[in-house]
């Protein structure tokens, strides 16, 4: 069962090496959360498509509790809840974060 924990957005979409992945994102799509070793943010959590493409990150301001849960072995997932285009330059992707409870 999935327990809805929090709503936020995907950060770092303008820094992707391959921004074409953003054109493939759809509302309702599941994203995988994966911890990343990152010199800028020790609690960094990447968001990845089922095909293994990096979409961005859980925002640094929101990742403290989620990184602790993941470091303790808890499984989290995300679902795209909304996509808004901003100034034709980037897409704001809203997500819900869920705890997978067995």
Protein backbone atom coordinates (compact mmCIF):
# COMPACT_ATOMS: atom_id res chain seq x y z
CA UNK A 1 0.00 0.00 0.00
CA UNK A 2 1.18 3.54 -0.74
CA UNK A 3 0.90 6.23 1.94
CA UNK A 4 0.85 9.80 0.60
CA UNK A 5 3.42 11.83 2.54
CA UNK A 6 3.97 15.14 0.78
CA UNK A 7 3.46 17.26 -2.34
CA UNK A 8 6.34 19.17 -3.91
CA UNK A 9 7.98 19.70 -7.31
CA UNK A 10 10.97 18.42 -9.28
CA UNK A 11 14.04 20.63 -8.75
CA UNK A 12 17.05 20.92 -11.05
CA UNK A 13 15.26 20.34 -14.36
CA UNK A 14 17.19 23.18 -16.01
CA UNK A 15 20.52 21.50 -15.19
CA UNK A 16 19.85 18.17 -16.92
CA UNK A 17 22.33 16.92 -19.52
CA UNK A 18 19.40 15.62 -21.58
CA UNK A 19 16.35 17.87 -21.16
CA UNK A 20 14.40 15.85 -23.77
CA UNK A 21 13.40 13.50 -20.94
CA UNK A 22 11.06 16.26 -19.73
CA UNK A 23 9.02 15.98 -22.94
CA UNK A 24 8.28 12.34 -22.08
CA UNK A 25 6.93 13.04 -18.58
CA UNK A 26 3.16 12.65 -18.12
CA UNK A 27 0.72 13.26 -15.28
CA UNK A 28 0.21 9.99 -13.40
CA UNK A 29 3.70 8.71 -14.23
CA UNK A 30 5.63 6.99 -11.44
CA UNK A 31 9.16 8.10 -10.62
CA UNK A 32 11.78 6.28 -8.58
CA UNK A 33 13.59 8.04 -5.73
CA UNK A 34 17.31 7.28 -5.43
CA UNK A 35 19.82 8.70 -2.97
CA UNK A 36 22.82 10.39 -4.60
CA UNK A 37 26.26 11.21 -3.27
CA UNK A 38 26.40 14.94 -3.96
CA UNK A 39 28.98 17.47 -2.74
CA UNK A 40 26.39 20.28 -2.85
CA UNK A 41 23.67 18.44 -0.88
CA UNK A 42 24.45 15.47 1.37
CA UNK A 43 20.75 14.56 1.49
CA UNK A 44 20.25 14.64 -2.31
CA UNK A 45 17.50 12.42 -3.76
CA UNK A 46 17.31 11.93 -7.52
CA UNK A 47 14.03 11.35 -9.35
CA UNK A 48 14.31 8.77 -12.14
CA UNK A 49 11.90 7.46 -14.80
CA UNK A 50 11.11 3.75 -15.10
CA UNK A 51 13.49 3.79 -18.08
CA UNK A 52 16.32 4.98 -15.84
CA UNK A 53 16.47 8.60 -17.04
CA UNK A 54 17.17 11.33 -14.49
CA UNK A 55 14.38 13.92 -14.28
CA UNK A 56 15.76 16.05 -11.43
CA UNK A 57 15.73 16.08 -7.63
CA UNK A 58 13.48 16.34 -4.61
CA UNK A 59 14.03 20.01 -3.62
CA UNK A 60 16.78 20.46 -1.02
CA UNK A 61 14.36 22.30 1.29
CA UNK A 62 12.12 19.20 1.34
CA UNK A 63 14.56 16.28 1.39
CA UNK A 64 15.66 15.98 5.04
CA UNK A 65 12.94 13.61 6.25
CA UNK A 66 12.81 11.63 3.00
CA UNK A 67 16.58 11.06 2.99
CA UNK A 68 16.41 9.83 6.61
CA UNK A 69 13.59 7.43 5.74
CA UNK A 70 15.51 6.11 2.72
CA UNK A 71 18.75 5.77 4.71
CA UNK A 72 16.77 3.69 7.24
CA UNK A 73 15.73 1.32 4.44
CA UNK A 74 12.25 2.65 3.71
CA UNK A 75 11.03 2.55 0.10
CA UNK A 76 9.63 5.78 -1.34
CA UNK A 77 8.15 6.58 -4.74
CA UNK A 78 6.80 9.64 -6.51
CA UNK A 79 3.95 10.30 -8.91
CA UNK A 80 3.68 13.23 -11.31
CA UNK A 81 0.57 15.23 -10.35
CA UNK A 82 0.83 18.28 -12.63
CA UNK A 83 2.97 19.79 -15.39
CA UNK A 84 3.06 23.51 -16.14
CA UNK A 85 5.14 25.15 -18.83
CA UNK A 86 6.89 28.32 -17.66
CA UNK A 87 7.87 30.95 -20.26
CA UNK A 88 8.44 28.21 -22.87
CA UNK A 89 11.80 27.68 -21.18
CA UNK A 90 11.19 24.97 -18.61
CA UNK A 91 8.47 22.79 -17.20
CA UNK A 92 7.42 22.85 -13.56
CA UNK A 93 6.65 19.25 -12.63
CA UNK A 94 4.60 18.74 -9.47
CA UNK A 95 4.89 15.41 -7.64
CA UNK A 96 3.42 13.54 -4.71
CA UNK A 97 5.83 11.49 -2.58
CA UNK A 98 4.65 8.17 -1.18
CA UNK A 99 5.90 5.65 1.37
CA UNK A 100 5.57 2.09 0.11
CA UNK A 101 4.20 0.12 3.06
CA UNK A 102 4.28 -3.68 2.80
